[in-house]
Amino acid sequence: MFPLLSNREIELVYLTLDEALGEGLVEITEKTDGGSVPELQVVNKSTKMVLILGAEELVRAKQNRIVNTTKIISIRKNF
């Protein structure tokens, strides 16, 4: 493991999953109608990124699931 060092300051603005769910800014659904255990669809309707921590439980689908890696969900962009 090697540390990444920089003299630049970067502000990382994000919501936790609980914050985003509480504000109705994240939508978690099955990826397909039949459902697939390892796959969910997450839609971020916020103007900030959403942080989902590894080992967090997702209860917004047909079956509860545990996230196996930490993820940052990017900001939704309309084109």
PDB file of N, CA and C in Angstrom:
ATOM      1  N   MET A   1       0.838  -1.162   0.000  1.00  0.00           N
ATOM      2  CA  MET A   1       0.000   0.000   0.000  1.00  0.00           C
ATOM      3  C   MET A   1       0.888   1.232   0.000  1.00  0.00           C
ATOM      4  N   PHE A   2       0.519   2.219  -0.842  1.00  0.00           N
ATOM      5  CA  PHE A   2       1.269   3.450  -0.926  1.00  0.00           C
ATOM      6  C   PHE A   2       0.324   4.625  -0.723  1.00  0.00           C
ATOM      7  N   PRO A   3       0.682   5.562   0.136  1.00  0.00           N
ATOM      8  CA  PRO A   3      -0.196   6.732   0.332  1.00  0.00           C
ATOM      9  C   PRO A   3      -0.137   7.654  -0.887  1.00  0.00           C
ATOM     10  N   LEU A   4      -1.261   8.247  -1.203  1.00  0.00           N
ATOM     11  CA  LEU A   4      -1.311   9.250  -2.270  1.00  0.00           C
ATOM     12  C   LEU A   4      -1.268  10.612  -1.611  1.00  0.00           C
ATOM     13  N   LEU A   5      -0.231  11.365  -1.904  1.00  0.00           N
ATOM     14  CA  LEU A   5      -0.025  12.652  -1.266  1.00  0.00           C
ATOM     15  C   LEU A   5      -0.131  13.774  -2.285  1.00  0.00           C
ATOM     16  N   SER A   6      -0.641  14.899  -1.834  1.00  0.00           N
ATOM     17  CA  SER A   6      -0.766  16.061  -2.704  1.00  0.00           C
ATOM     18  C   SER A   6      -0.800  17.308  -1.841  1.00  0.00           C
ATOM     19  N   ASN A   7      -0.372  18.416  -2.387  1.00  0.00           N
ATOM     20  CA  ASN A   7      -0.468  19.676  -1.654  1.00  0.00           C
ATOM     21  C   ASN A   7      -1.746  20.427  -2.034  1.00  0.00           C
ATOM     22  N   ARG A   8      -2.574  19.846  -2.899  1.00  0.00           N
ATOM     23  CA  ARG A   8      -3.847  20.440  -3.293  1.00  0.00           C
ATOM     24  C   ARG A   8      -4.941  20.012  -2.320  1.00  0.00           C
ATOM     25  N   GLU A   9      -5.838  20.935  -2.037  1.00  0.00           N
ATOM     26  CA  GLU A   9      -6.992  20.609  -1.203  1.00  0.00           C
ATOM     27  C   GLU A   9      -8.201  20.411  -2.097  1.00  0.00           C
ATOM     28  N   ILE A  10      -8.885  19.309  -1.901  1.00  0.00           N
ATOM     29  CA  ILE A  10     -10.080  19.012  -2.680  1.00  0.00           C
ATOM     30  C   ILE A  10     -11.237  18.799  -1.711  1.00  0.00           C
ATOM     31  N   GLU A  11     -12.310  19.538  -1.922  1.00  0.00           N
ATOM     32  CA  GLU A  11     -13.487  19.379  -1.075  1.00  0.00           C
ATOM     33  C   GLU A  11     -14.380  18.316  -1.697  1.00  0.00           C
ATOM     34  N   LEU A  12     -14.594  17.251  -0.979  1.00  0.00           N
ATOM     35  CA  LEU A  12     -15.452  16.163  -1.445  1.00  0.00           C
ATOM     36  C   LEU A  12     -16.811  16.335  -0.784  1.00  0.00           C
ATOM     37  N   VAL A  13     -17.810  16.713  -1.563  1.00  0.00           N
ATOM     38  CA  VAL A  13     -19.139  16.980  -1.035  1.00  0.00           C
ATOM     39  C   VAL A  13     -20.036  15.786  -1.346  1.00  0.00           C
ATOM     40  N   TYR A  14     -20.573  15.168  -0.307  1.00  0.00           N
ATOM     41  CA  TYR A  14     -21.427  14.003  -0.512  1.00  0.00           C
ATOM     42  C   TYR A  14     -22.435  13.883   0.622  1.00  0.00           C
ATOM     43  N   LEU A  15     -23.454  13.085   0.380  1.00  0.00           N
ATOM     44  CA  LEU A  15     -24.423  12.704   1.404  1.00  0.00           C
ATOM     45  C   LEU A  15     -24.196  11.238   1.731  1.00  0.00           C
ATOM     46  N   THR A  16     -24.470  10.842   2.960  1.00  0.00           N
ATOM     47  CA  THR A  16     -24.464   9.416   3.259  1.00  0.00           C
ATOM     48  C   THR A  16     -25.750   8.814   2.702  1.00  0.00           C
ATOM     49  N   LEU A  17     -25.792   7.517   2.563  1.00  0.00           N
ATOM     50  CA  LEU A  17     -26.993   6.861   2.058  1.00  0.00           C
ATOM     51  C   LEU A  17     -28.191   7.164   2.946  1.00  0.00           C
ATOM     52  N   ASP A  18     -28.014   7.110   4.256  1.00  0.00           N
ATOM     53  CA  ASP A  18     -29.120   7.404   5.179  1.00  0.00           C
ATOM     54  C   ASP A  18     -29.648   8.826   4.988  1.00  0.00           C
ATOM     55  N   GLU A  19     -28.740   9.798   4.823  1.00  0.00           N
ATOM     56  CA  GLU A  19     -29.170  11.185   4.598  1.00  0.00           C
ATOM     57  C   GLU A  19     -29.958  11.306   3.295  1.00  0.00           C
ATOM     58  N   ALA A  20     -29.436  10.701   2.240  1.00  0.00           N
ATOM     59  CA  ALA A  20     -30.088  10.786   0.926  1.00  0.00           C
ATOM     60  C   ALA A  20     -31.448  10.092   0.936  1.00  0.00           C
ATOM     61  N   LEU A  21     -31.537   8.931   1.576  1.00  0.00           N
ATOM     62  CA  LEU A  21     -32.825   8.234   1.666  1.00  0.00           C
ATOM     63  C   LEU A  21     -33.821   9.043   2.491  1.00  0.00           C
ATOM     64  N   GLY A  22     -33.353   9.630   3.579  1.00  0.00           N
ATOM     65  CA  GLY A  22     -34.214  10.427   4.452  1.00  0.00           C
ATOM     66  C   GLY A  22     -34.792  11.648   3.749  1.00  0.00           C
ATOM     67  N   GLU A  23     -34.054  12.178   2.793  1.00  0.00           N
ATOM     68  CA  GLU A  23     -34.508  13.349   2.044  1.00  0.00           C
ATOM     69  C   GLU A  23     -35.187  12.974   0.735  1.00  0.00           C
ATOM     70  N   GLY A  24     -35.316  11.668   0.476  1.00  0.00           N
ATOM     71  CA  GLY A  24     -35.960  11.214  -0.753  1.00  0.00           C
ATOM     72  C   GLY A  24     -35.147  11.491  -2.010  1.00  0.00           C
ATOM     73  N   LEU A  25     -33.824  11.544  -1.875  1.00  0.00           N
ATOM     74  CA  LEU A  25     -32.956  11.897  -2.997  1.00  0.00           C
ATOM     75  C   LEU A  25     -32.322  10.701  -3.688  1.00  0.00           C
ATOM     76  N   VAL A  26     -32.577   9.491  -3.170  1.00  0.00           N
ATOM     77  CA  VAL A  26     -32.032   8.276  -3.761  1.00  0.00           C
ATOM     78  C   VAL A  26     -33.163   7.281  -3.951  1.00  0.00           C
ATOM     79  N   GLU A  27     -33.116   6.606  -5.076  1.00  0.00           N
ATOM     80  CA  GLU A  27     -34.105   5.584  -5.388  1.00  0.00           C
ATOM     81  C   GLU A  27     -33.364   4.266  -5.600  1.00  0.00           C
ATOM     82  N   ILE A  28     -33.711   3.235  -4.829  1.00  0.00           N
ATOM     83  CA  ILE A  28     -33.076   1.924  -4.962  1.00  0.00           C
ATOM     84  C   ILE A  28     -34.142   0.937  -5.410  1.00  0.00           C
ATOM     85  N   THR A  29     -33.909   0.309  -6.556  1.00  0.00           N
ATOM     86  CA  THR A  29     -34.872  -0.646  -7.107  1.00  0.00           C
ATOM     87  C   THR A  29     -34.145  -1.867  -7.654  1.00  0.00           C
ATOM     88  N   GLU A  30     -34.928  -2.895  -7.962  1.00  0.00           N
ATOM     89  CA  GLU A  30     -34.378  -4.068  -8.639  1.00  0.00           C
ATOM     90  C   GLU A  30     -33.940  -3.645 -10.034  1.00  0.00           C
ATOM     91  N   LYS A  31     -32.876  -4.225 -10.529  1.00  0.00           N
ATOM     92  CA  LYS A  31     -32.387  -3.889 -11.861  1.00  0.00           C
ATOM     93  C   LYS A  31     -33.294  -4.473 -12.951  1.00  0.00           C
ATOM     94  N   THR A  32     -33.903  -5.620 -12.665  1.00  0.00           N
ATOM     95  CA  THR A  32     -34.828  -6.255 -13.600  1.00  0.00           C
ATOM     96  C   THR A  32     -36.129  -6.567 -12.871  1.00  0.00           C
ATOM     97  N   ASP A  33     -37.194  -6.815 -13.616  1.00  0.00           N
ATOM     98  CA  ASP A  33     -38.488  -7.140 -13.002  1.00  0.00           C
ATOM     99  C   ASP A  33     -38.424  -8.400 -12.147  1.00  0.00           C
ATOM    100  N   GLY A  34     -37.690  -9.410 -12.615  1.00  0.00           N
ATOM    101  CA  GLY A  34     -37.582 -10.661 -11.866  1.00  0.00           C
ATOM    102  C   GLY A  34     -36.665 -10.549 -10.665  1.00  0.00           C
ATOM    103  N   GLY A  35     -35.779  -9.583 -10.686  1.00  0.00           N
ATOM    104  CA  GLY A  35     -34.823  -9.401  -9.584  1.00  0.00           C
ATOM    105  C   GLY A  35     -33.637 -10.330  -9.733  1.00  0.00           C
ATOM    106  N   SER A  36     -32.495  -9.860  -9.329  1.00  0.00           N
ATOM    107  CA  SER A  36     -31.267 -10.639  -9.331  1.00  0.00           C
ATOM    108  C   SER A  36     -30.530 -10.269  -8.055  1.00  0.00           C
ATOM    109  N   VAL A  37     -30.219 -11.262  -7.248  1.00  0.00           N
ATOM    110  CA  VAL A  37     -29.665 -10.996  -5.916  1.00  0.00           C
ATOM    111  C   VAL A  37     -28.481 -10.037  -5.925  1.00  0.00           C
ATOM    112  N   PRO A  38     -27.483 -10.198  -6.814  1.00  0.00           N
ATOM    113  CA  PRO A  38     -26.341  -9.290  -6.713  1.00  0.00           C
ATOM    114  C   PRO A  38     -26.514  -7.942  -7.404  1.00  0.00           C
ATOM    115  N   GLU A  39     -27.687  -7.672  -7.987  1.00  0.00           N
ATOM    116  CA  GLU A  39     -27.815  -6.447  -8.775  1.00  0.00           C
ATOM    117  C   GLU A  39     -28.994  -5.581  -8.344  1.00  0.00           C
ATOM    118  N   LEU A  40     -28.695  -4.326  -8.048  1.00  0.00           N
ATOM    119  CA  LEU A  40     -29.715  -3.318  -7.769  1.00  0.00           C
ATOM    120  C   LEU A  40     -29.404  -2.094  -8.612  1.00  0.00           C
ATOM    121  N   GLN A  41     -30.392  -1.266  -8.793  1.00  0.00           N
ATOM    122  CA  GLN A  41     -30.211  -0.002  -9.500  1.00  0.00           C
ATOM    123  C   GLN A  41     -30.369   1.126  -8.495  1.00  0.00           C
ATOM    124  N   VAL A  42     -29.413   2.039  -8.481  1.00  0.00           N
ATOM    125  CA  VAL A  42     -29.461   3.192  -7.582  1.00  0.00           C
ATOM    126  C   VAL A  42     -29.498   4.455  -8.432  1.00  0.00           C
ATOM    127  N   VAL A  43     -30.511   5.289  -8.203  1.00  0.00           N
ATOM    128  CA  VAL A  43     -30.628   6.561  -8.920  1.00  0.00           C
ATOM    129  C   VAL A  43     -30.440   7.681  -7.908  1.00  0.00           C
ATOM    130  N   ASN A  44     -29.442   8.518  -8.162  1.00  0.00           N
ATOM    131  CA  ASN A  44     -29.135   9.655  -7.304  1.00  0.00           C
ATOM    132  C   ASN A  44     -29.811  10.891  -7.887  1.00  0.00           C
ATOM    133  N   LYS A  45     -30.800  11.436  -7.194  1.00  0.00           N
ATOM    134  CA  LYS A  45     -31.523  12.625  -7.659  1.00  0.00           C
ATOM    135  C   LYS A  45     -31.013  13.895  -6.962  1.00  0.00           C
ATOM    136  N   SER A  46     -29.910  13.777  -6.272  1.00  0.00           N
ATOM    137  CA  SER A  46     -29.338  14.886  -5.512  1.00  0.00           C
ATOM    138  C   SER A  46     -28.361  15.684  -6.364  1.00  0.00           C
ATOM    139  N   THR A  47     -27.986  16.842  -5.879  1.00  0.00           N
ATOM    140  CA  THR A  47     -26.930  17.638  -6.517  1.00  0.00           C
ATOM    141  C   THR A  47     -25.569  17.316  -5.906  1.00  0.00           C
ATOM    142  N   LYS A  48     -25.547  16.336  -4.996  1.00  0.00           N
ATOM    143  CA  LYS A  48     -24.305  15.878  -4.362  1.00  0.00           C
ATOM    144  C   LYS A  48     -24.133  14.391  -4.626  1.00  0.00           C
ATOM    145  N   MET A  49     -22.895  13.912  -4.507  1.00  0.00           N
ATOM    146  CA  MET A  49     -22.645  12.477  -4.609  1.00  0.00           C
ATOM    147  C   MET A  49     -23.213  11.792  -3.370  1.00  0.00           C
ATOM    148  N   VAL A  50     -23.457  10.487  -3.461  1.00  0.00           N
ATOM    149  CA  VAL A  50     -23.975   9.720  -2.333  1.00  0.00           C
ATOM    150  C   VAL A  50     -22.973   8.617  -2.001  1.00  0.00           C
ATOM    151  N   LEU A  51     -22.607   8.532  -0.728  1.00  0.00           N
ATOM    152  CA  LEU A  51     -21.653   7.543  -0.246  1.00  0.00           C
ATOM    153  C   LEU A  51     -22.406   6.355   0.338  1.00  0.00           C
ATOM    154  N   ILE A  52     -22.156   5.176  -0.223  1.00  0.00           N
ATOM    155  CA  ILE A  52     -22.717   3.931   0.310  1.00  0.00           C
ATOM    156  C   ILE A  52     -21.547   3.131   0.861  1.00  0.00           C
ATOM    157  N   LEU A  53     -21.549   2.900   2.153  1.00  0.00           N
ATOM    158  CA  LEU A  53     -20.440   2.215   2.815  1.00  0.00           C
ATOM    159  C   LEU A  53     -20.562   0.701   2.690  1.00  0.00           C
ATOM    160  N   GLY A  54     -19.420   0.044   2.541  1.00  0.00           N
ATOM    161  CA  GLY A  54     -19.396  -1.409   2.550  1.00  0.00           C
ATOM    162  C   GLY A  54     -19.979  -1.918   3.860  1.00  0.00           C
ATOM    163  N   ALA A  55     -20.712  -3.011   3.820  1.00  0.00           N
ATOM    164  CA  ALA A  55     -21.385  -3.636   4.956  1.00  0.00           C
ATOM    165  C   ALA A  55     -22.691  -2.951   5.323  1.00  0.00           C
ATOM    166  N   GLU A  56     -23.080  -1.909   4.575  1.00  0.00           N
ATOM    167  CA  GLU A  56     -24.356  -1.244   4.814  1.00  0.00           C
ATOM    168  C   GLU A  56     -25.486  -2.118   4.259  1.00  0.00           C
ATOM    169  N   GLU A  57     -26.614  -2.137   4.964  1.00  0.00           N
ATOM    170  CA  GLU A  57     -27.752  -2.950   4.524  1.00  0.00           C
ATOM    171  C   GLU A  57     -28.694  -2.114   3.663  1.00  0.00           C
ATOM    172  N   LEU A  58     -29.058  -2.654   2.503  1.00  0.00           N
ATOM    173  CA  LEU A  58     -30.019  -2.009   1.616  1.00  0.00           C
ATOM    174  C   LEU A  58     -31.345  -2.734   1.770  1.00  0.00           C
ATOM    175  N   VAL A  59     -32.380  -2.005   2.165  1.00  0.00           N
ATOM    176  CA  VAL A  59     -33.672  -2.630   2.434  1.00  0.00           C
ATOM    177  C   VAL A  59     -34.769  -2.109   1.514  1.00  0.00           C
ATOM    178  N   ARG A  60     -34.417  -1.475   0.420  1.00  0.00           N
ATOM    179  CA  ARG A  60     -35.405  -0.839  -0.456  1.00  0.00           C
ATOM    180  C   ARG A  60     -35.741  -1.662  -1.694  1.00  0.00           C
ATOM    181  N   ALA A  61     -35.634  -2.953  -1.650  1.00  0.00           N
ATOM    182  CA  ALA A  61     -35.939  -3.780  -2.811  1.00  0.00           C
ATOM    183  C   ALA A  61     -36.710  -5.010  -2.353  1.00  0.00           C
ATOM    184  N   LYS A  62     -36.875  -5.994  -3.235  1.00  0.00           N
ATOM    185  CA  LYS A  62     -37.638  -7.198  -2.896  1.00  0.00           C
ATOM    186  C   LYS A  62     -36.984  -7.992  -1.771  1.00  0.00           C
ATOM    187  N   GLN A  63     -35.673  -7.854  -1.643  1.00  0.00           N
ATOM    188  CA  GLN A  63     -34.916  -8.626  -0.662  1.00  0.00           C
ATOM    189  C   GLN A  63     -33.827  -7.733  -0.079  1.00  0.00           C
ATOM    190  N   ASN A  64     -33.592  -7.811   1.218  1.00  0.00           N
ATOM    191  CA  ASN A  64     -32.512  -7.025   1.825  1.00  0.00           C
ATOM    192  C   ASN A  64     -31.163  -7.538   1.333  1.00  0.00           C
ATOM    193  N   ARG A  65     -30.229  -6.614   1.193  1.00  0.00           N
ATOM    194  CA  ARG A  65     -28.888  -6.984   0.738  1.00  0.00           C
ATOM    195  C   ARG A  65     -27.847  -6.214   1.534  1.00  0.00           C
ATOM    196  N   ILE A  66     -26.649  -6.776   1.625  1.00  0.00           N
ATOM    197  CA  ILE A  66     -25.517  -6.124   2.269  1.00  0.00           C
ATOM    198  C   ILE A  66     -24.534  -5.715   1.176  1.00  0.00           C
ATOM    199  N   VAL A  67     -24.119  -4.460   1.184  1.00  0.00           N
ATOM    200  CA  VAL A  67     -23.163  -3.952   0.202  1.00  0.00           C
ATOM    201  C   VAL A  67     -21.791  -4.525   0.527  1.00  0.00           C
ATOM    202  N   ASN A  68     -21.095  -5.037  -0.499  1.00  0.00           N
ATOM    203  CA  ASN A  68     -19.799  -5.660  -0.219  1.00  0.00           C
ATOM    204  C   ASN A  68     -18.607  -4.735  -0.431  1.00  0.00           C
ATOM    205  N   THR A  69     -18.801  -3.568  -1.051  1.00  0.00           N
ATOM    206  CA  THR A  69     -17.720  -2.593  -1.200  1.00  0.00           C
ATOM    207  C   THR A  69     -18.282  -1.173  -1.044  1.00  0.00           C
ATOM    208  N   THR A  70     -17.445  -0.274  -0.601  1.00  0.00           N
ATOM    209  CA  THR A  70     -17.863   1.120  -0.488  1.00  0.00           C
ATOM    210  C   THR A  70     -17.961   1.719  -1.883  1.00  0.00           C
ATOM    211  N   LYS A  71     -19.035   2.482  -2.117  1.00  0.00           N
ATOM    212  CA  LYS A  71     -19.266   3.067  -3.437  1.00  0.00           C
ATOM    213  C   LYS A  71     -19.674   4.526  -3.301  1.00  0.00           C
ATOM    214  N   ILE A  72     -19.306   5.316  -4.276  1.00  0.00           N
ATOM    215  CA  ILE A  72     -19.796   6.696  -4.369  1.00  0.00           C
ATOM    216  C   ILE A  72     -20.642   6.771  -5.631  1.00  0.00           C
ATOM    217  N   ILE A  73     -21.895   7.169  -5.462  1.00  0.00           N
ATOM    218  CA  ILE A  73     -22.818   7.286  -6.576  1.00  0.00           C
ATOM    219  C   ILE A  73     -22.732   8.708  -7.108  1.00  0.00           C
ATOM    220  N   SER A  74     -22.435   8.833  -8.380  1.00  0.00           N
ATOM    221  CA  SER A  74     -22.224  10.160  -8.958  1.00  0.00           C
ATOM    222  C   SER A  74     -23.524  10.944  -9.081  1.00  0.00           C
ATOM    223  N   ILE A  75     -23.367  12.185  -9.403  1.00  0.00           N
ATOM    224  CA  ILE A  75     -24.492  13.107  -9.563  1.00  0.00           C
ATOM    225  C   ILE A  75     -25.181  12.807 -10.884  1.00  0.00           C
ATOM    226  N   ARG A  76     -26.501  12.768 -10.857  1.00  0.00           N
ATOM    227  CA  ARG A  76     -27.274  12.535 -12.076  1.00  0.00           C
ATOM    228  C   ARG A  76     -27.221  13.786 -12.947  1.00  0.00           C
ATOM    229  N   LYS A  77     -26.948  13.575 -14.202  1.00  0.00           N
ATOM    230  CA  LYS A  77     -26.846  14.692 -15.144  1.00  0.00           C
ATOM    231  C   LYS A  77     -27.923  14.540 -16.199  1.00  0.00           C
ATOM    232  N   ASN A  78     -28.608  15.629 -16.493  1.00  0.00           N
ATOM    233  CA  ASN A  78     -29.612  15.622 -17.558  1.00  0.00           C
ATOM    234  C   ASN A  78     -28.992  16.193 -18.828  1.00  0.00           C
ATOM    235  N   PHE A  79     -29.159  15.504 -19.924  1.00  0.00           N
ATOM    236  CA  PHE A  79     -28.596  15.947 -21.209  1.00  0.00           C
ATOM    237  C   PHE A  79     -29.708  16.319 -22.162  1.00  0.00           C
TER     238      PHE A  79
END
